[in-house]
Amino acid sequence: MKKSMKLKIFHITEYIYVLQVNVWISHPSN
């Protein structure tokens, strides 16, 4: 169960990272 939770957190982090990268590509700050 603990391992499953860790994997879930990793997938959420990965999803947020990909989302952020897409935002940076769409709206570059520099």
PDB file of N, CA and C in Angstrom:
ATOM      1  N   MET A   1       0.833  -1.204   0.000  1.00  0.00           N
ATOM      2  CA  MET A   1       0.000   0.000   0.000  1.00  0.00           C
ATOM      3  C   MET A   1       0.874   1.263   0.000  1.00  0.00           C
ATOM      4  N   LYS A   2       1.914   1.239   0.798  1.00  0.00           N
ATOM      5  CA  LYS A   2       2.811   2.390   0.877  1.00  0.00           C
ATOM      6  C   LYS A   2       3.514   2.628  -0.470  1.00  0.00           C
ATOM      7  N   LYS A   3       3.883   1.527  -1.116  1.00  0.00           N
ATOM      8  CA  LYS A   3       4.551   1.615  -2.410  1.00  0.00           C
ATOM      9  C   LYS A   3       3.609   2.219  -3.461  1.00  0.00           C
ATOM     10  N   SER A   4       2.341   1.809  -3.416  1.00  0.00           N
ATOM     11  CA  SER A   4       1.326   2.300  -4.343  1.00  0.00           C
ATOM     12  C   SER A   4       1.118   3.808  -4.167  1.00  0.00           C
ATOM     13  N   MET A   5       1.111   4.240  -2.916  1.00  0.00           N
ATOM     14  CA  MET A   5       0.921   5.657  -2.603  1.00  0.00           C
ATOM     15  C   MET A   5       2.095   6.472  -3.163  1.00  0.00           C
ATOM     16  N   LYS A   6       3.299   5.951  -3.002  1.00  0.00           N
ATOM     17  CA  LYS A   6       4.491   6.629  -3.493  1.00  0.00           C
ATOM     18  C   LYS A   6       4.436   6.776  -5.014  1.00  0.00           C
ATOM     19  N   LEU A   7       3.978   5.739  -5.679  1.00  0.00           N
ATOM     20  CA  LEU A   7       3.869   5.734  -7.129  1.00  0.00           C
ATOM     21  C   LEU A   7       2.825   6.764  -7.574  1.00  0.00           C
ATOM     22  N   LYS A   8       1.734   6.843  -6.841  1.00  0.00           N
ATOM     23  CA  LYS A   8       0.668   7.804  -7.142  1.00  0.00           C
ATOM     24  C   LYS A   8       1.203   9.232  -7.040  1.00  0.00           C
ATOM     25  N   ILE A   9       1.945   9.519  -5.985  1.00  0.00           N
ATOM     26  CA  ILE A   9       2.534  10.844  -5.760  1.00  0.00           C
ATOM     27  C   ILE A   9       3.494  11.180  -6.900  1.00  0.00           C
ATOM     28  N   PHE A  10       4.273  10.197  -7.332  1.00  0.00           N
ATOM     29  CA  PHE A  10       5.214  10.396  -8.431  1.00  0.00           C
ATOM     30  C   PHE A  10       4.472  10.771  -9.712  1.00  0.00           C
ATOM     31  N   HIS A  11       3.376  10.082 -10.011  1.00  0.00           N
ATOM     32  CA  HIS A  11       2.600  10.362 -11.219  1.00  0.00           C
ATOM     33  C   HIS A  11       1.956  11.749 -11.163  1.00  0.00           C
ATOM     34  N   ILE A  12       1.506  12.147  -9.985  1.00  0.00           N
ATOM     35  CA  ILE A  12       0.923  13.483  -9.808  1.00  0.00           C
ATOM     36  C   ILE A  12       2.002  14.546 -10.042  1.00  0.00           C
ATOM     37  N   THR A  13       3.191  14.335  -9.489  1.00  0.00           N
ATOM     38  CA  THR A  13       4.306  15.264  -9.655  1.00  0.00           C
ATOM     39  C   THR A  13       4.703  15.370 -11.121  1.00  0.00           C
ATOM     40  N   GLU A  14       4.747  14.234 -11.801  1.00  0.00           N
ATOM     41  CA  GLU A  14       5.088  14.182 -13.219  1.00  0.00           C
ATOM     42  C   GLU A  14       4.048  14.943 -14.038  1.00  0.00           C
ATOM     43  N   TYR A  15       2.780  14.772 -13.715  1.00  0.00           N
ATOM     44  CA  TYR A  15       1.682  15.449 -14.405  1.00  0.00           C
ATOM     45  C   TYR A  15       1.789  16.964 -14.229  1.00  0.00           C
ATOM     46  N   ILE A  16       2.055  17.406 -13.010  1.00  0.00           N
ATOM     47  CA  ILE A  16       2.198  18.834 -12.703  1.00  0.00           C
ATOM     48  C   ILE A  16       3.396  19.411 -13.465  1.00  0.00           C
ATOM     49  N   TYR A  17       4.492  18.666 -13.509  1.00  0.00           N
ATOM     50  CA  TYR A  17       5.694  19.101 -14.225  1.00  0.00           C
ATOM     51  C   TYR A  17       5.414  19.306 -15.708  1.00  0.00           C
ATOM     52  N   VAL A  18       4.750  18.346 -16.323  1.00  0.00           N
ATOM     53  CA  VAL A  18       4.399  18.418 -17.752  1.00  0.00           C
ATOM     54  C   VAL A  18       3.458  19.600 -17.996  1.00  0.00           C
ATOM     55  N   LEU A  19       2.516  19.790 -17.104  1.00  0.00           N
ATOM     56  CA  LEU A  19       1.573  20.905 -17.206  1.00  0.00           C
ATOM     57  C   LEU A  19       2.313  22.247 -17.137  1.00  0.00           C
ATOM     58  N   GLN A  20       3.253  22.364 -16.224  1.00  0.00           N
ATOM     59  CA  GLN A  20       4.043  23.575 -16.051  1.00  0.00           C
ATOM     60  C   GLN A  20       4.896  23.862 -17.284  1.00  0.00           C
ATOM     61  N   VAL A  21       5.497  22.838 -17.839  1.00  0.00           N
ATOM     62  CA  VAL A  21       6.319  22.983 -19.045  1.00  0.00           C
ATOM     63  C   VAL A  21       5.451  23.500 -20.197  1.00  0.00           C
ATOM     64  N   ASN A  22       4.263  22.965 -20.333  1.00  0.00           N
ATOM     65  CA  ASN A  22       3.332  23.420 -21.372  1.00  0.00           C
ATOM     66  C   ASN A  22       2.954  24.888 -21.189  1.00  0.00           C
ATOM     67  N   VAL A  23       2.785  25.299 -19.945  1.00  0.00           N
ATOM     68  CA  VAL A  23       2.463  26.695 -19.625  1.00  0.00           C
ATOM     69  C   VAL A  23       3.647  27.596 -19.999  1.00  0.00           C
ATOM     70  N   TRP A  24       4.850  27.178 -19.674  1.00  0.00           N
ATOM     71  CA  TRP A  24       6.052  27.957 -19.998  1.00  0.00           C
ATOM     72  C   TRP A  24       6.245  28.088 -21.504  1.00  0.00           C
ATOM     73  N   ILE A  25       5.920  27.042 -22.248  1.00  0.00           N
ATOM     74  CA  ILE A  25       6.042  27.072 -23.719  1.00  0.00           C
ATOM     75  C   ILE A  25       4.984  28.025 -24.293  1.00  0.00           C
ATOM     76  N   SER A  26       3.786  27.979 -23.740  1.00  0.00           N
ATOM     77  CA  SER A  26       2.689  28.825 -24.223  1.00  0.00           C
ATOM     78  C   SER A  26       2.914  30.298 -23.853  1.00  0.00           C
ATOM     79  N   HIS A  27       3.417  30.545 -22.645  1.00  0.00           N
ATOM     80  CA  HIS A  27       3.627  31.907 -22.147  1.00  0.00           C
ATOM     81  C   HIS A  27       5.059  32.046 -21.620  1.00  0.00           C
ATOM     82  N   PRO A  28       6.029  32.250 -22.480  1.00  0.00           N
ATOM     83  CA  PRO A  28       7.421  32.390 -22.013  1.00  0.00           C
ATOM     84  C   PRO A  28       7.601  33.670 -21.191  1.00  0.00           C
ATOM     85  N   SER A  29       8.280  33.544 -20.084  1.00  0.00           N
ATOM     86  CA  SER A  29       8.477  34.675 -19.175  1.00  0.00           C
ATOM     87  C   SER A  29       9.686  35.544 -19.556  1.00  0.00           C
ATOM     88  N   ASN A  30      10.628  34.987 -20.327  1.00  0.00           N
ATOM     89  CA  ASN A  30      11.817  35.759 -20.692  1.00  0.00           C
ATOM     90  C   ASN A  30      11.916  36.091 -22.133  1.00  0.00           C
TER      91      ASN A  30
END
